[in-house]
Structures are given as structure tokens and as C-alpha cells.
């Protein structure tokens, strides 16, 4: 029973991230230095992998990993 709930939670989180990204980018001017889309995609992959494989069920740790990864995307 945990696996379907976990997958549903990840699906909802992914949907929220994609919708929030679309809303914020359409309502505000484009930032000057956008991160590399390939880097952002890699960070998203790390997030989803962490959410699916994290044994302690600590989503905050996974989101922290994602934010740390995104911070490095803007530095290259």
C-alpha cells in the first residue's frame, strides 16, 4: 500500500513543480541568466530518484538535495 501512495505523492509533487514553473515564468519577465536546461533536468532526476528510493520517507531531505543541485546549475 505504501508504494502506490508514494508514487501518487511523487506524481502530485511533479505536477505542482511543472505548473508552478509555468505560472511563474509566464507572469514575470525572463531572468537574465537561466540555468542550463540539461542541468535542471539532471537535478529533477536526482529528486525523483531520491523520492522513490529514500527509505526514511523524508521528502524534505530530497528537496534539499534538489535545491542544492539547482544552486550549482546557475554557477556554470
PDB file of N, CA and C in Angstrom:
ATOM      1  N   UNK A   1       0.817  -1.201   0.000  1.00  0.00           N
ATOM      2  CA  UNK A   1       0.000   0.000   0.000  1.00  0.00           C
ATOM      3  C   UNK A   1       0.858   1.261   0.000  1.00  0.00           C
ATOM      4  N   UNK A   2       2.056   1.175   0.580  1.00  0.00           N
ATOM      5  CA  UNK A   2       2.914   2.351   0.615  1.00  0.00           C
ATOM      6  C   UNK A   2       3.398   2.749  -0.777  1.00  0.00           C
ATOM      7  N   UNK A   3       3.683   1.771  -1.618  1.00  0.00           N
ATOM      8  CA  UNK A   3       4.230   2.079  -2.934  1.00  0.00           C
ATOM      9  C   UNK A   3       3.263   2.901  -3.782  1.00  0.00           C
ATOM     10  N   UNK A   4       1.981   2.546  -3.895  1.00  0.00           N
ATOM     11  CA  UNK A   4       1.068   3.380  -4.686  1.00  0.00           C
ATOM     12  C   UNK A   4       0.916   4.787  -4.094  1.00  0.00           C
ATOM     13  N   UNK A   5       0.902   4.892  -2.763  1.00  0.00           N
ATOM     14  CA  UNK A   5       0.801   6.208  -2.143  1.00  0.00           C
ATOM     15  C   UNK A   5       2.038   7.044  -2.412  1.00  0.00           C
ATOM     16  N   UNK A   6       3.191   6.409  -2.358  1.00  0.00           N
ATOM     17  CA  UNK A   6       4.441   7.123  -2.625  1.00  0.00           C
ATOM     18  C   UNK A   6       4.479   7.602  -4.076  1.00  0.00           C
ATOM     19  N   UNK A   7       4.069   6.741  -4.999  1.00  0.00           N
ATOM     20  CA  UNK A   7       4.050   7.124  -6.415  1.00  0.00           C
ATOM     21  C   UNK A   7       3.060   8.247  -6.656  1.00  0.00           C
ATOM     22  N   UNK A   8       1.912   8.192  -5.998  1.00  0.00           N
ATOM     23  CA  UNK A   8       0.920   9.247  -6.140  1.00  0.00           C
ATOM     24  C   UNK A   8       1.470  10.563  -5.598  1.00  0.00           C
ATOM     25  N   UNK A   9       2.150  10.507  -4.471  1.00  0.00           N
ATOM     26  CA  UNK A   9       2.735  11.712  -3.886  1.00  0.00           C
ATOM     27  C   UNK A   9       3.790  12.313  -4.815  1.00  0.00           C
ATOM     28  N   UNK A  10       4.619  11.474  -5.420  1.00  0.00           N
ATOM     29  CA  UNK A  10       5.645  11.958  -6.345  1.00  0.00           C
ATOM     30  C   UNK A  10       4.988  12.559  -7.578  1.00  0.00           C
ATOM     31  N   UNK A  11       3.954  11.912  -8.090  1.00  0.00           N
ATOM     32  CA  UNK A  11       3.249  12.432  -9.257  1.00  0.00           C
ATOM     33  C   UNK A  11       2.645  13.799  -8.955  1.00  0.00           C
ATOM     34  N   UNK A  12       2.052  13.953  -7.784  1.00  0.00           N
ATOM     35  CA  UNK A  12       1.476  15.241  -7.394  1.00  0.00           C
ATOM     36  C   UNK A  12       2.572  16.287  -7.255  1.00  0.00           C
ATOM     37  N   UNK A  13       3.688  15.921  -6.648  1.00  0.00           N
ATOM     38  CA  UNK A  13       4.804  16.851  -6.496  1.00  0.00           C
ATOM     39  C   UNK A  13       5.349  17.289  -7.851  1.00  0.00           C
ATOM     40  N   UNK A  14       5.490  16.337  -8.770  1.00  0.00           N
ATOM     41  CA  UNK A  14       5.969  16.674 -10.122  1.00  0.00           C
ATOM     42  C   UNK A  14       4.993  17.631 -10.805  1.00  0.00           C
ATOM     43  N   UNK A  15       3.707  17.377 -10.680  1.00  0.00           N
ATOM     44  CA  UNK A  15       2.703  18.234 -11.302  1.00  0.00           C
ATOM     45  C   UNK A  15       2.765  19.642 -10.729  1.00  0.00           C
ATOM     46  N   UNK A  16       2.893  19.748  -9.420  1.00  0.00           N
ATOM     47  CA  UNK A  16       2.982  21.060  -8.782  1.00  0.00           C
ATOM     48  C   UNK A  16       4.222  21.806  -9.258  1.00  0.00           C
ATOM     49  N   UNK A  17       5.338  21.111  -9.369  1.00  0.00           N
ATOM     50  CA  UNK A  17       6.573  21.760  -9.826  1.00  0.00           C
ATOM     51  C   UNK A  17       6.413  22.271 -11.252  1.00  0.00           C
ATOM     52  N   UNK A  18       5.855  21.449 -12.139  1.00  0.00           N
ATOM     53  CA  UNK A  18       5.698  21.870 -13.535  1.00  0.00           C
ATOM     54  C   UNK A  18       4.697  23.010 -13.666  1.00  0.00           C
ATOM     55  N   UNK A  19       3.589  22.947 -12.944  1.00  0.00           N
ATOM     56  CA  UNK A  19       2.591  24.016 -13.016  1.00  0.00           C
ATOM     57  C   UNK A  19       3.153  25.303 -12.421  1.00  0.00           C
ATOM     58  N   UNK A  20       3.816  25.205 -11.290  1.00  0.00           N
ATOM     59  CA  UNK A  20       4.384  26.393 -10.657  1.00  0.00           C
ATOM     60  C   UNK A  20       5.445  27.035 -11.541  1.00  0.00           C
ATOM     61  N   UNK A  21       6.222  26.227 -12.217  1.00  0.00           N
ATOM     62  CA  UNK A  21       7.237  26.766 -13.125  1.00  0.00           C
ATOM     63  C   UNK A  21       6.579  27.515 -14.271  1.00  0.00           C
ATOM     64  N   UNK A  22       5.523  26.960 -14.834  1.00  0.00           N
ATOM     65  CA  UNK A  22       4.817  27.616 -15.941  1.00  0.00           C
ATOM     66  C   UNK A  22       4.153  28.906 -15.514  1.00  0.00           C
ATOM     67  N   UNK A  23       3.569  28.926 -14.329  1.00  0.00           N
ATOM     68  CA  UNK A  23       2.881  30.123 -13.848  1.00  0.00           C
ATOM     69  C   UNK A  23       3.874  31.229 -13.556  1.00  0.00           C
ATOM     70  N   UNK A  24       4.966  30.905 -12.891  1.00  0.00           N
ATOM     71  CA  UNK A  24       5.915  31.948 -12.528  1.00  0.00           C
ATOM     72  C   UNK A  24       6.648  32.495 -13.742  1.00  0.00           C
ATOM     73  N   UNK A  25       6.920  31.669 -14.729  1.00  0.00           N
ATOM     74  CA  UNK A  25       7.642  32.180 -15.892  1.00  0.00           C
ATOM     75  C   UNK A  25       6.730  32.964 -16.822  1.00  0.00           C
ATOM     76  N   UNK A  26       5.445  32.656 -16.839  1.00  0.00           N
ATOM     77  CA  UNK A  26       4.555  33.377 -17.742  1.00  0.00           C
ATOM     78  C   UNK A  26       4.125  34.720 -17.164  1.00  0.00           C
ATOM     79  N   UNK A  27       4.182  34.894 -15.850  1.00  0.00           N
ATOM     80  CA  UNK A  27       3.702  36.126 -15.239  1.00  0.00           C
ATOM     81  C   UNK A  27       4.829  37.097 -14.879  1.00  0.00           C
ATOM     82  N   UNK A  28       6.060  36.734 -15.116  1.00  0.00           N
ATOM     83  CA  UNK A  28       7.166  37.607 -14.776  1.00  0.00           C
ATOM     84  C   UNK A  28       8.135  37.694 -15.958  1.00  0.00           C
ATOM     85  N   UNK A  29       8.918  38.776 -16.006  1.00  0.00           N
ATOM     86  CA  UNK A  29       9.905  38.870 -17.086  1.00  0.00           C
ATOM     87  C   UNK A  29      10.952  37.769 -16.975  1.00  0.00           C
ATOM     88  N   UNK A  30      11.514  37.414 -18.091  1.00  0.00           N
ATOM     89  CA  UNK A  30      12.507  36.336 -18.125  1.00  0.00           C
ATOM     90  C   UNK A  30      13.776  36.764 -17.402  1.00  0.00           C
ATOM     91  N   UNK A  31      14.317  35.917 -16.541  1.00  0.00           N
ATOM     92  CA  UNK A  31      15.580  36.235 -15.870  1.00  0.00           C
ATOM     93  C   UNK A  31      16.727  36.301 -16.881  1.00  0.00           C
ATOM     94  N   UNK A  32      17.750  37.028 -16.524  1.00  0.00           N
ATOM     95  CA  UNK A  32      18.862  37.233 -17.441  1.00  0.00           C
ATOM     96  C   UNK A  32      19.728  35.996 -17.612  1.00  0.00           C
ATOM     97  N   UNK A  33      20.031  35.298 -16.540  1.00  0.00           N
ATOM     98  CA  UNK A  33      20.914  34.137 -16.641  1.00  0.00           C
ATOM     99  C   UNK A  33      20.158  32.877 -16.211  1.00  0.00           C
ATOM    100  N   UNK A  34      19.556  32.227 -17.188  1.00  0.00           N
ATOM    101  CA  UNK A  34      18.816  30.997 -16.939  1.00  0.00           C
ATOM    102  C   UNK A  34      19.787  29.838 -16.769  1.00  0.00           C
ATOM    103  N   UNK A  35      19.488  28.916 -15.866  1.00  0.00           N
ATOM    104  CA  UNK A  35      20.346  27.736 -15.729  1.00  0.00           C
ATOM    105  C   UNK A  35      20.213  26.832 -16.950  1.00  0.00           C
ATOM    106  N   UNK A  36      21.205  26.047 -17.173  1.00  0.00           N
ATOM    107  CA  UNK A  36      21.226  25.110 -18.285  1.00  0.00           C
ATOM    108  C   UNK A  36      20.083  24.100 -18.131  1.00  0.00           C
ATOM    109  N   UNK A  37      19.214  23.951 -19.146  1.00  0.00           N
ATOM    110  CA  UNK A  37      18.104  23.001 -19.048  1.00  0.00           C
ATOM    111  C   UNK A  37      18.564  21.566 -18.777  1.00  0.00           C
ATOM    112  N   UNK A  38      19.708  21.178 -19.304  1.00  0.00           N
ATOM    113  CA  UNK A  38      20.225  19.825 -19.059  1.00  0.00           C
ATOM    114  C   UNK A  38      20.576  19.652 -17.578  1.00  0.00           C
ATOM    115  N   UNK A  39      21.113  20.704 -16.965  1.00  0.00           N
ATOM    116  CA  UNK A  39      21.456  20.643 -15.545  1.00  0.00           C
ATOM    117  C   UNK A  39      20.188  20.553 -14.699  1.00  0.00           C
ATOM    118  N   UNK A  40      19.180  21.338 -15.044  1.00  0.00           N
ATOM    119  CA  UNK A  40      17.908  21.305 -14.318  1.00  0.00           C
ATOM    120  C   UNK A  40      17.269  19.927 -14.449  1.00  0.00           C
ATOM    121  N   UNK A  41      17.363  19.346 -15.639  1.00  0.00           N
ATOM    122  CA  UNK A  41      16.810  18.011 -15.863  1.00  0.00           C
ATOM    123  C   UNK A  41      17.539  16.977 -15.004  1.00  0.00           C
ATOM    124  N   UNK A  42      18.850  17.113 -14.905  1.00  0.00           N
ATOM    125  CA  UNK A  42      19.632  16.211 -14.063  1.00  0.00           C
ATOM    126  C   UNK A  42      19.214  16.343 -12.602  1.00  0.00           C
ATOM    127  N   UNK A  43      19.003  17.574 -12.157  1.00  0.00           N
ATOM    128  CA  UNK A  43      18.571  17.805 -10.769  1.00  0.00           C
ATOM    129  C   UNK A  43      17.189  17.197 -10.531  1.00  0.00           C
ATOM    130  N   UNK A  44      16.292  17.329 -11.495  1.00  0.00           N
ATOM    131  CA  UNK A  44      14.963  16.741 -11.358  1.00  0.00           C
ATOM    132  C   UNK A  44      15.074  15.218 -11.266  1.00  0.00           C
ATOM    133  N   UNK A  45      15.961  14.637 -12.054  1.00  0.00           N
ATOM    134  CA  UNK A  45      16.183  13.202 -11.992  1.00  0.00           C
ATOM    135  C   UNK A  45      16.678  12.765 -10.625  1.00  0.00           C
ATOM    136  N   UNK A  46      17.582  13.560 -10.043  1.00  0.00           N
ATOM    137  CA  UNK A  46      18.068  13.266  -8.687  1.00  0.00           C
ATOM    138  C   UNK A  46      16.937  13.347  -7.667  1.00  0.00           C
ATOM    139  N   UNK A  47      16.063  14.345  -7.838  1.00  0.00           N
ATOM    140  CA  UNK A  47      14.929  14.484  -6.926  1.00  0.00           C
ATOM    141  C   UNK A  47      14.016  13.271  -6.994  1.00  0.00           C
ATOM    142  N   UNK A  48      13.643  12.870  -8.201  1.00  0.00           N
ATOM    143  CA  UNK A  48      12.719  11.746  -8.357  1.00  0.00           C
ATOM    144  C   UNK A  48      13.360  10.444  -7.872  1.00  0.00           C
ATOM    145  N   UNK A  49      14.643  10.282  -8.146  1.00  0.00           N
ATOM    146  CA  UNK A  49      15.346   9.088  -7.686  1.00  0.00           C
ATOM    147  C   UNK A  49      15.373   9.057  -6.157  1.00  0.00           C
ATOM    148  N   UNK A  50      15.629  10.188  -5.542  1.00  0.00           N
ATOM    149  CA  UNK A  50      15.658  10.265  -4.080  1.00  0.00           C
ATOM    150  C   UNK A  50      14.282   9.966  -3.498  1.00  0.00           C
ATOM    151  N   UNK A  51      13.238  10.535  -4.097  1.00  0.00           N
ATOM    152  CA  UNK A  51      11.885  10.315  -3.579  1.00  0.00           C
ATOM    153  C   UNK A  51      11.474   8.852  -3.687  1.00  0.00           C
ATOM    154  N   UNK A  52      11.847   8.194  -4.763  1.00  0.00           N
ATOM    155  CA  UNK A  52      11.474   6.793  -4.943  1.00  0.00           C
ATOM    156  C   UNK A  52      12.314   5.856  -4.077  1.00  0.00           C
ATOM    157  N   UNK A  53      13.573   6.200  -3.822  1.00  0.00           N
ATOM    158  CA  UNK A  53      14.474   5.281  -3.142  1.00  0.00           C
ATOM    159  C   UNK A  53      14.730   5.633  -1.678  1.00  0.00           C
ATOM    160  N   UNK A  54      14.232   6.744  -1.220  1.00  0.00           N
ATOM    161  CA  UNK A  54      14.527   7.179   0.144  1.00  0.00           C
ATOM    162  C   UNK A  54      13.777   6.296   1.122  1.00  0.00           C
ATOM    163  N   UNK A  55      14.508   5.618   1.987  1.00  0.00           N
ATOM    164  CA  UNK A  55      13.918   4.656   2.909  1.00  0.00           C
ATOM    165  C   UNK A  55      13.275   5.316   4.125  1.00  0.00           C
ATOM    166  N   UNK A  56      13.759   6.473   4.522  1.00  0.00           N
ATOM    167  CA  UNK A  56      13.246   7.107   5.737  1.00  0.00           C
ATOM    168  C   UNK A  56      11.974   7.909   5.475  1.00  0.00           C
ATOM    169  N   UNK A  57      11.561   7.992   4.233  1.00  0.00           N
ATOM    170  CA  UNK A  57      10.351   8.723   3.868  1.00  0.00           C
ATOM    171  C   UNK A  57      10.468  10.195   4.250  1.00  0.00           C
ATOM    172  N   UNK A  58      11.648  10.768   4.060  1.00  0.00           N
ATOM    173  CA  UNK A  58      11.916  12.156   4.411  1.00  0.00           C
ATOM    174  C   UNK A  58      12.014  12.976   3.130  1.00  0.00           C
ATOM    175  N   UNK A  59      10.879  13.495   2.685  1.00  0.00           N
ATOM    176  CA  UNK A  59      10.837  14.263   1.448  1.00  0.00           C
ATOM    177  C   UNK A  59      11.654  15.551   1.537  1.00  0.00           C
ATOM    178  N   UNK A  60      11.744  16.129   2.724  1.00  0.00           N
ATOM    179  CA  UNK A  60      12.480  17.382   2.889  1.00  0.00           C
ATOM    180  C   UNK A  60      13.953  17.210   2.539  1.00  0.00           C
ATOM    181  N   UNK A  61      14.529  16.063   2.873  1.00  0.00           N
ATOM    182  CA  UNK A  61      15.930  15.805   2.533  1.00  0.00           C
ATOM    183  C   UNK A  61      16.104  15.746   1.018  1.00  0.00           C
ATOM    184  N   UNK A  62      15.147  15.142   0.328  1.00  0.00           N
ATOM    185  CA  UNK A  62      15.218  15.052  -1.130  1.00  0.00           C
ATOM    186  C   UNK A  62      15.094  16.432  -1.771  1.00  0.00           C
ATOM    187  N   UNK A  63      14.202  17.246  -1.246  1.00  0.00           N
ATOM    188  CA  UNK A  63      14.022  18.595  -1.780  1.00  0.00           C
ATOM    189  C   UNK A  63      15.271  19.424  -1.525  1.00  0.00           C
ATOM    190  N   UNK A  64      15.927  19.191  -0.406  1.00  0.00           N
ATOM    191  CA  UNK A  64      17.174  19.886  -0.097  1.00  0.00           C
ATOM    192  C   UNK A  64      18.260  19.519  -1.111  1.00  0.00           C
ATOM    193  N   UNK A  65      18.331  18.244  -1.462  1.00  0.00           N
ATOM    194  CA  UNK A  65      19.291  17.789  -2.483  1.00  0.00           C
ATOM    195  C   UNK A  65      18.988  18.475  -3.811  1.00  0.00           C
ATOM    196  N   UNK A  66      17.708  18.563  -4.160  1.00  0.00           N
ATOM    197  CA  UNK A  66      17.280  19.208  -5.413  1.00  0.00           C
ATOM    198  C   UNK A  66      17.683  20.689  -5.436  1.00  0.00           C
ATOM    199  N   UNK A  67      17.426  21.398  -4.350  1.00  0.00           N
ATOM    200  CA  UNK A  67      17.779  22.824  -4.292  1.00  0.00           C
ATOM    201  C   UNK A  67      19.289  23.022  -4.363  1.00  0.00           C
ATOM    202  N   UNK A  68      20.035  22.166  -3.693  1.00  0.00           N
ATOM    203  CA  UNK A  68      21.499  22.251  -3.734  1.00  0.00           C
ATOM    204  C   UNK A  68      21.998  22.050  -5.170  1.00  0.00           C
ATOM    205  N   UNK A  69      21.420  21.073  -5.853  1.00  0.00           N
ATOM    206  CA  UNK A  69      21.797  20.806  -7.239  1.00  0.00           C
ATOM    207  C   UNK A  69      21.477  22.014  -8.125  1.00  0.00           C
ATOM    208  N   UNK A  70      20.275  22.584  -7.958  1.00  0.00           N
ATOM    209  CA  UNK A  70      19.883  23.745  -8.761  1.00  0.00           C
ATOM    210  C   UNK A  70      20.798  24.936  -8.509  1.00  0.00           C
ATOM    211  N   UNK A  71      21.253  25.092  -7.280  1.00  0.00           N
ATOM    212  CA  UNK A  71      22.165  26.194  -6.977  1.00  0.00           C
ATOM    213  C   UNK A  71      23.447  26.081  -7.785  1.00  0.00           C
ATOM    214  N   UNK A  72      23.899  24.853  -8.025  1.00  0.00           N
ATOM    215  CA  UNK A  72      25.106  24.657  -8.826  1.00  0.00           C
ATOM    216  C   UNK A  72      24.846  24.846 -10.310  1.00  0.00           C
ATOM    217  N   UNK A  73      23.615  24.698 -10.749  1.00  0.00           N
ATOM    218  CA  UNK A  73      23.289  24.896 -12.170  1.00  0.00           C
ATOM    219  C   UNK A  73      23.545  26.338 -12.603  1.00  0.00           C
ATOM    220  N   UNK A  74      23.301  27.290 -11.732  1.00  0.00           N
ATOM    221  CA  UNK A  74      23.491  28.684 -12.078  1.00  0.00           C
ATOM    222  C   UNK A  74      24.940  29.137 -12.032  1.00  0.00           C
ATOM    223  N   UNK A  75      25.823  28.321 -11.487  1.00  0.00           N
ATOM    224  CA  UNK A  75      27.227  28.719 -11.315  1.00  0.00           C
ATOM    225  C   UNK A  75      28.101  28.358 -12.510  1.00  0.00           C
ATOM    226  N   UNK A  76      27.580  27.582 -13.449  1.00  0.00           N
ATOM    227  CA  UNK A  76      28.419  27.136 -14.579  1.00  0.00           C
ATOM    228  C   UNK A  76      28.298  28.062 -15.751  1.00  0.00           C
TER     229      UNK A  76
END
